[in-house]
């Protein structure tokens, strides 16, 4: 194995860690707003690391551009869905969690 394969593997593992952290945040955080924050931030970061790891392995510039476009599309749609869920939660008056 050469250096690029090791670096690619490390980046994919770091990305998987961020996905795992986002999933833990989804389960453990107390309200919908903090869950959305944990999930969208961690998933976008995790996907970014995985895309970087994959970009090291591809051979052509068109493949790199396609991977970047996929990442941008998912970041855009993730932010949009997060906003819609938070707005719906606000409209139906789901309270923000407060420590008692």
PDB file of N, CA and C in Angstrom:
ATOM      1  N   UNK A   1       0.838  -1.179   0.000  1.00  0.00           N
ATOM      2  CA  UNK A   1       0.000   0.000   0.000  1.00  0.00           C
ATOM      3  C   UNK A   1       0.884   1.243   0.000  1.00  0.00           C
ATOM      4  N   UNK A   2       0.480   2.201  -0.813  1.00  0.00           N
ATOM      5  CA  UNK A   2       1.251   3.434  -0.874  1.00  0.00           C
ATOM      6  C   UNK A   2       0.623   4.516   0.008  1.00  0.00           C
ATOM      7  N   UNK A   3       1.240   5.680   0.031  1.00  0.00           N
ATOM      8  CA  UNK A   3       0.820   6.767   0.917  1.00  0.00           C
ATOM      9  C   UNK A   3      -0.596   7.248   0.592  1.00  0.00           C
ATOM     10  N   UNK A   4      -0.934   7.327  -0.692  1.00  0.00           N
ATOM     11  CA  UNK A   4      -2.265   7.825  -1.053  1.00  0.00           C
ATOM     12  C   UNK A   4      -3.370   6.884  -0.573  1.00  0.00           C
ATOM     13  N   UNK A   5      -3.118   5.588  -0.585  1.00  0.00           N
ATOM     14  CA  UNK A   5      -4.119   4.648  -0.087  1.00  0.00           C
ATOM     15  C   UNK A   5      -4.291   4.772   1.428  1.00  0.00           C
ATOM     16  N   UNK A   6      -3.196   4.967   2.135  1.00  0.00           N
ATOM     17  CA  UNK A   6      -3.268   5.162   3.583  1.00  0.00           C
ATOM     18  C   UNK A   6      -4.014   6.449   3.915  1.00  0.00           C
ATOM     19  N   UNK A   7      -3.661   7.527   3.233  1.00  0.00           N
ATOM     20  CA  UNK A   7      -4.318   8.815   3.477  1.00  0.00           C
ATOM     21  C   UNK A   7      -5.805   8.729   3.155  1.00  0.00           C
ATOM     22  N   UNK A   8      -6.130   8.084   2.056  1.00  0.00           N
ATOM     23  CA  UNK A   8      -7.526   7.912   1.676  1.00  0.00           C
ATOM     24  C   UNK A   8      -8.279   7.118   2.743  1.00  0.00           C
ATOM     25  N   UNK A   9      -7.681   6.049   3.216  1.00  0.00           N
ATOM     26  CA  UNK A   9      -8.307   5.239   4.260  1.00  0.00           C
ATOM     27  C   UNK A   9      -8.514   6.007   5.550  1.00  0.00           C
ATOM     28  N   UNK A  10      -7.523   6.807   5.928  1.00  0.00           N
ATOM     29  CA  UNK A  10      -7.641   7.609   7.148  1.00  0.00           C
ATOM     30  C   UNK A  10      -8.766   8.626   7.010  1.00  0.00           C
ATOM     31  N   UNK A  11      -8.854   9.287   5.850  1.00  0.00           N
ATOM     32  CA  UNK A  11      -9.915  10.274   5.644  1.00  0.00           C
ATOM     33  C   UNK A  11     -11.296   9.632   5.681  1.00  0.00           C
ATOM     34  N   UNK A  12     -11.430   8.451   5.109  1.00  0.00           N
ATOM     35  CA  UNK A  12     -12.726   7.759   5.138  1.00  0.00           C
ATOM     36  C   UNK A  12     -13.082   7.346   6.568  1.00  0.00           C
ATOM     37  N   UNK A  13     -12.098   6.902   7.332  1.00  0.00           N
ATOM     38  CA  UNK A  13     -12.355   6.525   8.728  1.00  0.00           C
ATOM     39  C   UNK A  13     -12.746   7.748   9.558  1.00  0.00           C
ATOM     40  N   UNK A  14     -12.077   8.888   9.340  1.00  0.00           N
ATOM     41  CA  UNK A  14     -12.449  10.121  10.040  1.00  0.00           C
ATOM     42  C   UNK A  14     -13.875  10.523   9.667  1.00  0.00           C
ATOM     43  N   UNK A  15     -14.223  10.399   8.386  1.00  0.00           N
ATOM     44  CA  UNK A  15     -15.580  10.697   7.951  1.00  0.00           C
ATOM     45  C   UNK A  15     -16.601   9.791   8.610  1.00  0.00           C
ATOM     46  N   UNK A  16     -16.275   8.513   8.714  1.00  0.00           N
ATOM     47  CA  UNK A  16     -17.183   7.573   9.374  1.00  0.00           C
ATOM     48  C   UNK A  16     -17.352   7.924  10.848  1.00  0.00           C
ATOM     49  N   UNK A  17     -16.280   8.399  11.489  1.00  0.00           N
ATOM     50  CA  UNK A  17     -16.377   8.832  12.881  1.00  0.00           C
ATOM     51  C   UNK A  17     -17.353   9.997  13.020  1.00  0.00           C
ATOM     52  N   UNK A  18     -17.299  10.956  12.103  1.00  0.00           N
ATOM     53  CA  UNK A  18     -18.231  12.084  12.170  1.00  0.00           C
ATOM     54  C   UNK A  18     -19.672  11.624  11.951  1.00  0.00           C
ATOM     55  N   UNK A  19     -19.889  10.675  11.040  1.00  0.00           N
ATOM     56  CA  UNK A  19     -21.236  10.125  10.862  1.00  0.00           C
ATOM     57  C   UNK A  19     -21.715   9.457  12.148  1.00  0.00           C
ATOM     58  N   UNK A  20     -20.822   8.715  12.789  1.00  0.00           N
ATOM     59  CA  UNK A  20     -21.164   8.058  14.048  1.00  0.00           C
ATOM     60  C   UNK A  20     -21.499   9.086  15.126  1.00  0.00           C
ATOM     61  N   UNK A  21     -20.691  10.146  15.217  1.00  0.00           N
ATOM     62  CA  UNK A  21     -20.927  11.194  16.209  1.00  0.00           C
ATOM     63  C   UNK A  21     -22.271  11.879  15.958  1.00  0.00           C
ATOM     64  N   UNK A  22     -22.618  12.124  14.709  1.00  0.00           N
ATOM     65  CA  UNK A  22     -23.909  12.717  14.392  1.00  0.00           C
ATOM     66  C   UNK A  22     -25.061  11.807  14.774  1.00  0.00           C
ATOM     67  N   UNK A  23     -24.880  10.521  14.577  1.00  0.00           N
ATOM     68  CA  UNK A  23     -25.924   9.566  14.955  1.00  0.00           C
ATOM     69  C   UNK A  23     -26.103   9.514  16.470  1.00  0.00           C
ATOM     70  N   UNK A  24     -24.997   9.581  17.204  1.00  0.00           N
ATOM     71  CA  UNK A  24     -25.079   9.612  18.664  1.00  0.00           C
ATOM     72  C   UNK A  24     -25.792  10.887  19.116  1.00  0.00           C
ATOM     73  N   UNK A  25     -25.473  12.007  18.477  1.00  0.00           N
ATOM     74  CA  UNK A  25     -26.151  13.259  18.804  1.00  0.00           C
ATOM     75  C   UNK A  25     -27.632  13.197  18.515  1.00  0.00           C
ATOM     76  N   UNK A  26     -28.002  12.529  17.441  1.00  0.00           N
ATOM     77  CA  UNK A  26     -29.415  12.371  17.104  1.00  0.00           C
ATOM     78  C   UNK A  26     -30.158  11.592  18.189  1.00  0.00           C
ATOM     79  N   UNK A  27     -29.510  10.625  18.750  1.00  0.00           N
ATOM     80  CA  UNK A  27     -30.142   9.797  19.773  1.00  0.00           C
ATOM     81  C   UNK A  27     -30.107  10.466  21.146  1.00  0.00           C
ATOM     82  N   UNK A  28     -29.008  11.122  21.482  1.00  0.00           N
ATOM     83  CA  UNK A  28     -28.798  11.585  22.855  1.00  0.00           C
ATOM     84  C   UNK A  28     -29.270  13.002  23.161  1.00  0.00           C
ATOM     85  N   UNK A  29     -29.300  13.886  22.183  1.00  0.00           N
ATOM     86  CA  UNK A  29     -29.637  15.274  22.486  1.00  0.00           C
ATOM     87  C   UNK A  29     -31.119  15.408  22.824  1.00  0.00           C
ATOM     88  N   UNK A  30     -31.466  16.412  23.656  1.00  0.00           N
ATOM     89  CA  UNK A  30     -32.808  16.439  24.257  1.00  0.00           C
ATOM     90  C   UNK A  30     -33.933  16.981  23.386  1.00  0.00           C
ATOM     91  N   UNK A  31     -33.642  17.865  22.427  1.00  0.00           N
ATOM     92  CA  UNK A  31     -34.753  18.433  21.654  1.00  0.00           C
ATOM     93  C   UNK A  31     -34.449  18.391  20.166  1.00  0.00           C
ATOM     94  N   UNK A  32     -35.475  18.710  19.389  1.00  0.00           N
ATOM     95  CA  UNK A  32     -35.376  18.585  17.940  1.00  0.00           C
ATOM     96  C   UNK A  32     -34.333  19.550  17.365  1.00  0.00           C
ATOM     97  N   UNK A  33     -34.166  20.703  17.965  1.00  0.00           N
ATOM     98  CA  UNK A  33     -33.264  21.712  17.418  1.00  0.00           C
ATOM     99  C   UNK A  33     -31.800  21.313  17.594  1.00  0.00           C
ATOM    100  N   UNK A  34     -31.443  20.844  18.771  1.00  0.00           N
ATOM    101  CA  UNK A  34     -30.064  20.405  18.978  1.00  0.00           C
ATOM    102  C   UNK A  34     -29.769  19.121  18.207  1.00  0.00           C
ATOM    103  N   UNK A  35     -30.764  18.275  18.042  1.00  0.00           N
ATOM    104  CA  UNK A  35     -30.579  17.064  17.237  1.00  0.00           C
ATOM    105  C   UNK A  35     -30.317  17.417  15.770  1.00  0.00           C
ATOM    106  N   UNK A  36     -31.073  18.377  15.266  1.00  0.00           N
ATOM    107  CA  UNK A  36     -30.858  18.817  13.887  1.00  0.00           C
ATOM    108  C   UNK A  36     -29.458  19.397  13.707  1.00  0.00           C
ATOM    109  N   UNK A  37     -29.034  20.196  14.661  1.00  0.00           N
ATOM    110  CA  UNK A  37     -27.710  20.803  14.573  1.00  0.00           C
ATOM    111  C   UNK A  37     -26.621  19.734  14.556  1.00  0.00           C
ATOM    112  N   UNK A  38     -26.717  18.792  15.497  1.00  0.00           N
ATOM    113  CA  UNK A  38     -25.703  17.733  15.567  1.00  0.00           C
ATOM    114  C   UNK A  38     -25.687  16.904  14.291  1.00  0.00           C
ATOM    115  N   UNK A  39     -26.852  16.577  13.808  1.00  0.00           N
ATOM    116  CA  UNK A  39     -26.929  15.708  12.642  1.00  0.00           C
ATOM    117  C   UNK A  39     -26.429  16.385  11.373  1.00  0.00           C
ATOM    118  N   UNK A  40     -26.852  17.615  11.123  1.00  0.00           N
ATOM    119  CA  UNK A  40     -26.452  18.255   9.868  1.00  0.00           C
ATOM    120  C   UNK A  40     -24.982  18.628   9.874  1.00  0.00           C
ATOM    121  N   UNK A  41     -24.470  19.137  10.974  1.00  0.00           N
ATOM    122  CA  UNK A  41     -23.053  19.513  11.016  1.00  0.00           C
ATOM    123  C   UNK A  41     -22.156  18.288  10.895  1.00  0.00           C
ATOM    124  N   UNK A  42     -22.452  17.267  11.667  1.00  0.00           N
ATOM    125  CA  UNK A  42     -21.606  16.074  11.647  1.00  0.00           C
ATOM    126  C   UNK A  42     -21.701  15.343  10.308  1.00  0.00           C
ATOM    127  N   UNK A  43     -22.884  15.254   9.746  1.00  0.00           N
ATOM    128  CA  UNK A  43     -23.030  14.559   8.466  1.00  0.00           C
ATOM    129  C   UNK A  43     -22.326  15.294   7.336  1.00  0.00           C
ATOM    130  N   UNK A  44     -22.443  16.612   7.305  1.00  0.00           N
ATOM    131  CA  UNK A  44     -21.752  17.365   6.253  1.00  0.00           C
ATOM    132  C   UNK A  44     -20.239  17.261   6.392  1.00  0.00           C
ATOM    133  N   UNK A  45     -19.744  17.321   7.615  1.00  0.00           N
ATOM    134  CA  UNK A  45     -18.302  17.181   7.834  1.00  0.00           C
ATOM    135  C   UNK A  45     -17.845  15.762   7.495  1.00  0.00           C
ATOM    136  N   UNK A  46     -18.594  14.774   7.948  1.00  0.00           N
ATOM    137  CA  UNK A  46     -18.241  13.388   7.649  1.00  0.00           C
ATOM    138  C   UNK A  46     -18.240  13.105   6.158  1.00  0.00           C
ATOM    139  N   UNK A  47     -19.250  13.610   5.472  1.00  0.00           N
ATOM    140  CA  UNK A  47     -19.298  13.421   4.023  1.00  0.00           C
ATOM    141  C   UNK A  47     -18.127  14.127   3.347  1.00  0.00           C
ATOM    142  N   UNK A  48     -17.754  15.304   3.866  1.00  0.00           N
ATOM    143  CA  UNK A  48     -16.603  16.017   3.301  1.00  0.00           C
ATOM    144  C   UNK A  48     -15.326  15.205   3.405  1.00  0.00           C
ATOM    145  N   UNK A  49     -15.085  14.599   4.557  1.00  0.00           N
ATOM    146  CA  UNK A  49     -13.888  13.771   4.709  1.00  0.00           C
ATOM    147  C   UNK A  49     -13.933  12.542   3.801  1.00  0.00           C
ATOM    148  N   UNK A  50     -15.094  11.930   3.680  1.00  0.00           N
ATOM    149  CA  UNK A  50     -15.205  10.756   2.812  1.00  0.00           C
ATOM    150  C   UNK A  50     -14.994  11.149   1.349  1.00  0.00           C
ATOM    151  N   UNK A  51     -15.561  12.275   0.939  1.00  0.00           N
ATOM    152  CA  UNK A  51     -15.356  12.751  -0.433  1.00  0.00           C
ATOM    153  C   UNK A  51     -13.878  13.040  -0.683  1.00  0.00           C
ATOM    154  N   UNK A  52     -13.202  13.671   0.278  1.00  0.00           N
ATOM    155  CA  UNK A  52     -11.763  13.924   0.117  1.00  0.00           C
ATOM    156  C   UNK A  52     -10.986  12.616  -0.012  1.00  0.00           C
ATOM    157  N   UNK A  53     -11.355  11.639   0.809  1.00  0.00           N
ATOM    158  CA  UNK A  53     -10.701  10.334   0.709  1.00  0.00           C
ATOM    159  C   UNK A  53     -10.930   9.670  -0.641  1.00  0.00           C
ATOM    160  N   UNK A  54     -12.126   9.805  -1.176  1.00  0.00           N
ATOM    161  CA  UNK A  54     -12.418   9.227  -2.489  1.00  0.00           C
ATOM    162  C   UNK A  54     -11.735   9.990  -3.618  1.00  0.00           C
ATOM    163  N   UNK A  55     -11.614  11.315  -3.452  1.00  0.00           N
ATOM    164  CA  UNK A  55     -10.975  12.117  -4.493  1.00  0.00           C
ATOM    165  C   UNK A  55      -9.513  11.729  -4.678  1.00  0.00           C
ATOM    166  N   UNK A  56      -8.873  11.269  -3.630  1.00  0.00           N
ATOM    167  CA  UNK A  56      -7.483  10.820  -3.743  1.00  0.00           C
ATOM    168  C   UNK A  56      -7.392   9.574  -4.614  1.00  0.00           C
ATOM    169  N   UNK A  57      -8.418   8.754  -4.590  1.00  0.00           N
ATOM    170  CA  UNK A  57      -8.383   7.477  -5.293  1.00  0.00           C
ATOM    171  C   UNK A  57      -8.802   7.531  -6.763  1.00  0.00           C
ATOM    172  N   UNK A  58      -9.521   8.574  -7.166  1.00  0.00           N
ATOM    173  CA  UNK A  58     -10.013   8.609  -8.551  1.00  0.00           C
ATOM    174  C   UNK A  58      -8.913   9.066  -9.501  1.00  0.00           C
ATOM    175  N   UNK A  59      -9.105   8.741 -10.785  1.00  0.00           N
ATOM    176  CA  UNK A  59      -8.060   8.983 -11.783  1.00  0.00           C
ATOM    177  C   UNK A  59      -8.280  10.239 -12.610  1.00  0.00           C
ATOM    178  N   UNK A  60      -9.510  10.683 -12.755  1.00  0.00           N
ATOM    179  CA  UNK A  60      -9.773  11.777 -13.689  1.00  0.00           C
ATOM    180  C   UNK A  60     -10.325  13.000 -12.966  1.00  0.00           C
ATOM    181  N   UNK A  61     -10.125  14.150 -13.603  1.00  0.00           N
ATOM    182  CA  UNK A  61     -10.656  15.394 -13.059  1.00  0.00           C
ATOM    183  C   UNK A  61     -12.176  15.416 -13.108  1.00  0.00           C
ATOM    184  N   UNK A  62     -12.755  14.762 -14.095  1.00  0.00           N
ATOM    185  CA  UNK A  62     -14.220  14.734 -14.162  1.00  0.00           C
ATOM    186  C   UNK A  62     -14.814  13.990 -12.966  1.00  0.00           C
ATOM    187  N   UNK A  63     -14.141  12.948 -12.524  1.00  0.00           N
ATOM    188  CA  UNK A  63     -14.610  12.224 -11.344  1.00  0.00           C
ATOM    189  C   UNK A  63     -14.499  13.091 -10.093  1.00  0.00           C
ATOM    190  N   UNK A  64     -13.427  13.865  -9.991  1.00  0.00           N
ATOM    191  CA  UNK A  64     -13.263  14.768  -8.857  1.00  0.00           C
ATOM    192  C   UNK A  64     -14.365  15.819  -8.852  1.00  0.00           C
ATOM    193  N   UNK A  65     -14.660  16.371 -10.019  1.00  0.00           N
ATOM    194  CA  UNK A  65     -15.720  17.375 -10.124  1.00  0.00           C
ATOM    195  C   UNK A  65     -17.075  16.763  -9.769  1.00  0.00           C
ATOM    196  N   UNK A  66     -17.320  15.537 -10.212  1.00  0.00           N
ATOM    197  CA  UNK A  66     -18.580  14.869  -9.876  1.00  0.00           C
ATOM    198  C   UNK A  66     -18.703  14.666  -8.366  1.00  0.00           C
ATOM    199  N   UNK A  67     -17.622  14.248  -7.720  1.00  0.00           N
ATOM    200  CA  UNK A  67     -17.656  14.060  -6.270  1.00  0.00           C
ATOM    201  C   UNK A  67     -17.921  15.377  -5.543  1.00  0.00           C
ATOM    202  N   UNK A  68     -17.285  16.451  -6.004  1.00  0.00           N
ATOM    203  CA  UNK A  68     -17.524  17.759  -5.398  1.00  0.00           C
ATOM    204  C   UNK A  68     -18.964  18.217  -5.599  1.00  0.00           C
ATOM    205  N   UNK A  69     -19.517  17.959  -6.784  1.00  0.00           N
ATOM    206  CA  UNK A  69     -20.910  18.323  -7.036  1.00  0.00           C
ATOM    207  C   UNK A  69     -21.868  17.528  -6.157  1.00  0.00           C
ATOM    208  N   UNK A  70     -21.560  16.264  -5.948  1.00  0.00           N
ATOM    209  CA  UNK A  70     -22.384  15.448  -5.049  1.00  0.00           C
ATOM    210  C   UNK A  70     -22.344  16.018  -3.647  1.00  0.00           C
ATOM    211  N   UNK A  71     -21.155  16.389  -3.183  1.00  0.00           N
ATOM    212  CA  UNK A  71     -21.018  16.954  -1.844  1.00  0.00           C
ATOM    213  C   UNK A  71     -21.790  18.271  -1.723  1.00  0.00           C
ATOM    214  N   UNK A  72     -21.662  19.134  -2.713  1.00  0.00           N
ATOM    215  CA  UNK A  72     -22.380  20.405  -2.680  1.00  0.00           C
ATOM    216  C   UNK A  72     -23.894  20.199  -2.700  1.00  0.00           C
ATOM    217  N   UNK A  73     -24.361  19.274  -3.512  1.00  0.00           N
ATOM    218  CA  UNK A  73     -25.792  18.993  -3.583  1.00  0.00           C
ATOM    219  C   UNK A  73     -26.316  18.480  -2.246  1.00  0.00           C
ATOM    220  N   UNK A  74     -25.583  17.590  -1.631  1.00  0.00           N
ATOM    221  CA  UNK A  74     -26.030  17.042  -0.347  1.00  0.00           C
ATOM    222  C   UNK A  74     -25.957  18.102   0.742  1.00  0.00           C
ATOM    223  N   UNK A  75     -24.946  18.961   0.719  1.00  0.00           N
ATOM    224  CA  UNK A  75     -24.897  20.050   1.702  1.00  0.00           C
ATOM    225  C   UNK A  75     -26.084  20.990   1.527  1.00  0.00           C
ATOM    226  N   UNK A  76     -26.408  21.308   0.289  1.00  0.00           N
ATOM    227  CA  UNK A  76     -27.541  22.199   0.028  1.00  0.00           C
ATOM    228  C   UNK A  76     -28.859  21.568   0.457  1.00  0.00           C
ATOM    229  N   UNK A  77     -29.081  20.331   0.077  1.00  0.00           N
ATOM    230  CA  UNK A  77     -30.343  19.678   0.433  1.00  0.00           C
ATOM    231  C   UNK A  77     -30.429  19.420   1.934  1.00  0.00           C
ATOM    232  N   UNK A  78     -29.312  19.083   2.571  1.00  0.00           N
ATOM    233  CA  UNK A  78     -29.316  18.870   4.016  1.00  0.00           C
ATOM    234  C   UNK A  78     -29.659  20.132   4.779  1.00  0.00           C
ATOM    235  N   UNK A  79     -29.078  21.247   4.347  1.00  0.00           N
ATOM    236  CA  UNK A  79     -29.385  22.526   5.004  1.00  0.00           C
ATOM    237  C   UNK A  79     -30.841  22.918   4.774  1.00  0.00           C
ATOM    238  N   UNK A  80     -31.347  22.674   3.588  1.00  0.00           N
ATOM    239  CA  UNK A  80     -32.735  23.007   3.285  1.00  0.00           C
ATOM    240  C   UNK A  80     -33.697  22.166   4.112  1.00  0.00           C
ATOM    241  N   UNK A  81     -33.463  20.884   4.191  1.00  0.00           N
ATOM    242  CA  UNK A  81     -34.334  20.002   4.974  1.00  0.00           C
ATOM    243  C   UNK A  81     -34.254  20.349   6.456  1.00  0.00           C
ATOM    244  N   UNK A  82     -33.058  20.640   6.941  1.00  0.00           N
ATOM    245  CA  UNK A  82     -32.903  21.038   8.339  1.00  0.00           C
ATOM    246  C   UNK A  82     -33.709  22.296   8.636  1.00  0.00           C
ATOM    247  N   UNK A  83     -33.634  23.251   7.746  1.00  0.00           N
ATOM    248  CA  UNK A  83     -34.404  24.489   7.922  1.00  0.00           C
ATOM    249  C   UNK A  83     -35.902  24.200   7.925  1.00  0.00           C
ATOM    250  N   UNK A  84     -36.363  23.366   7.020  1.00  0.00           N
ATOM    251  CA  UNK A  84     -37.795  23.053   6.947  1.00  0.00           C
ATOM    252  C   UNK A  84     -38.278  22.332   8.198  1.00  0.00           C
ATOM    253  N   UNK A  85     -37.485  21.394   8.705  1.00  0.00           N
ATOM    254  CA  UNK A  85     -37.882  20.677   9.922  1.00  0.00           C
ATOM    255  C   UNK A  85     -37.902  21.622  11.113  1.00  0.00           C
ATOM    256  N   UNK A  86     -36.885  22.475  11.234  1.00  0.00           N
ATOM    257  CA  UNK A  86     -36.847  23.427  12.350  1.00  0.00           C
ATOM    258  C   UNK A  86     -37.999  24.425  12.261  1.00  0.00           C
ATOM    259  N   UNK A  87     -38.309  24.846  11.062  1.00  0.00           N
ATOM    260  CA  UNK A  87     -39.426  25.781  10.891  1.00  0.00           C
ATOM    261  C   UNK A  87     -40.758  25.121  11.251  1.00  0.00           C
ATOM    262  N   UNK A  88     -40.933  23.882  10.824  1.00  0.00           N
ATOM    263  CA  UNK A  88     -42.161  23.164  11.173  1.00  0.00           C
ATOM    264  C   UNK A  88     -42.248  22.945  12.681  1.00  0.00           C
ATOM    265  N   UNK A  89     -41.128  22.639  13.315  1.00  0.00           N
ATOM    266  CA  UNK A  89     -41.128  22.456  14.766  1.00  0.00           C
ATOM    267  C   UNK A  89     -41.462  23.760  15.478  1.00  0.00           C
ATOM    268  N   UNK A  90     -40.980  24.866  14.951  1.00  0.00           N
ATOM    269  CA  UNK A  90     -41.291  26.168  15.538  1.00  0.00           C
ATOM    270  C   UNK A  90     -42.764  26.507  15.339  1.00  0.00           C
ATOM    271  N   UNK A  91     -43.293  26.213  14.167  1.00  0.00           N
ATOM    272  CA  UNK A  91     -44.701  26.530  13.886  1.00  0.00           C
ATOM    273  C   UNK A  91     -45.668  25.734  14.745  1.00  0.00           C
ATOM    274  N   UNK A  92     -45.324  24.499  15.064  1.00  0.00           N
ATOM    275  CA  UNK A  92     -46.216  23.714  15.938  1.00  0.00           C
ATOM    276  C   UNK A  92     -45.824  23.859  17.405  1.00  0.00           C
ATOM    277  N   UNK A  93     -44.926  24.810  17.659  1.00  0.00           N
ATOM    278  CA  UNK A  93     -44.549  25.223  19.007  1.00  0.00           C
ATOM    279  C   UNK A  93     -43.914  24.113  19.837  1.00  0.00           C
ATOM    280  N   UNK A  94     -42.972  23.384  19.231  1.00  0.00           N
ATOM    281  CA  UNK A  94     -42.163  22.441  20.002  1.00  0.00           C
ATOM    282  C   UNK A  94     -41.161  23.267  20.799  1.00  0.00           C
ATOM    283  N   UNK A  95     -41.163  23.134  22.112  1.00  0.00           N
ATOM    284  CA  UNK A  95     -40.308  24.013  22.925  1.00  0.00           C
ATOM    285  C   UNK A  95     -38.825  23.627  22.837  1.00  0.00           C
ATOM    286  N   UNK A  96     -38.010  24.629  23.069  1.00  0.00           N
ATOM    287  CA  UNK A  96     -36.575  24.401  23.179  1.00  0.00           C
ATOM    288  C   UNK A  96     -36.311  23.831  24.566  1.00  0.00           C
ATOM    289  N   UNK A  97     -35.440  22.845  24.653  1.00  0.00           N
ATOM    290  CA  UNK A  97     -35.134  22.216  25.924  1.00  0.00           C
ATOM    291  C   UNK A  97     -34.382  23.189  26.825  1.00  0.00           C
ATOM    292  N   UNK A  98     -34.775  23.256  28.069  1.00  0.00           N
ATOM    293  CA  UNK A  98     -34.108  24.104  29.064  1.00  0.00           C
ATOM    294  C   UNK A  98     -33.752  23.232  30.267  1.00  0.00           C
ATOM    295  N   UNK A  99     -32.558  23.430  30.786  1.00  0.00           N
ATOM    296  CA  UNK A  99     -32.141  22.701  31.986  1.00  0.00           C
ATOM    297  C   UNK A  99     -32.948  23.206  33.174  1.00  0.00           C
ATOM    298  N   UNK A 100     -33.436  22.280  33.967  1.00  0.00           N
ATOM    299  CA  UNK A 100     -34.289  22.674  35.106  1.00  0.00           C
ATOM    300  C   UNK A 100     -33.515  22.707  36.389  1.00  0.00           C
TER     301      UNK A 100
END
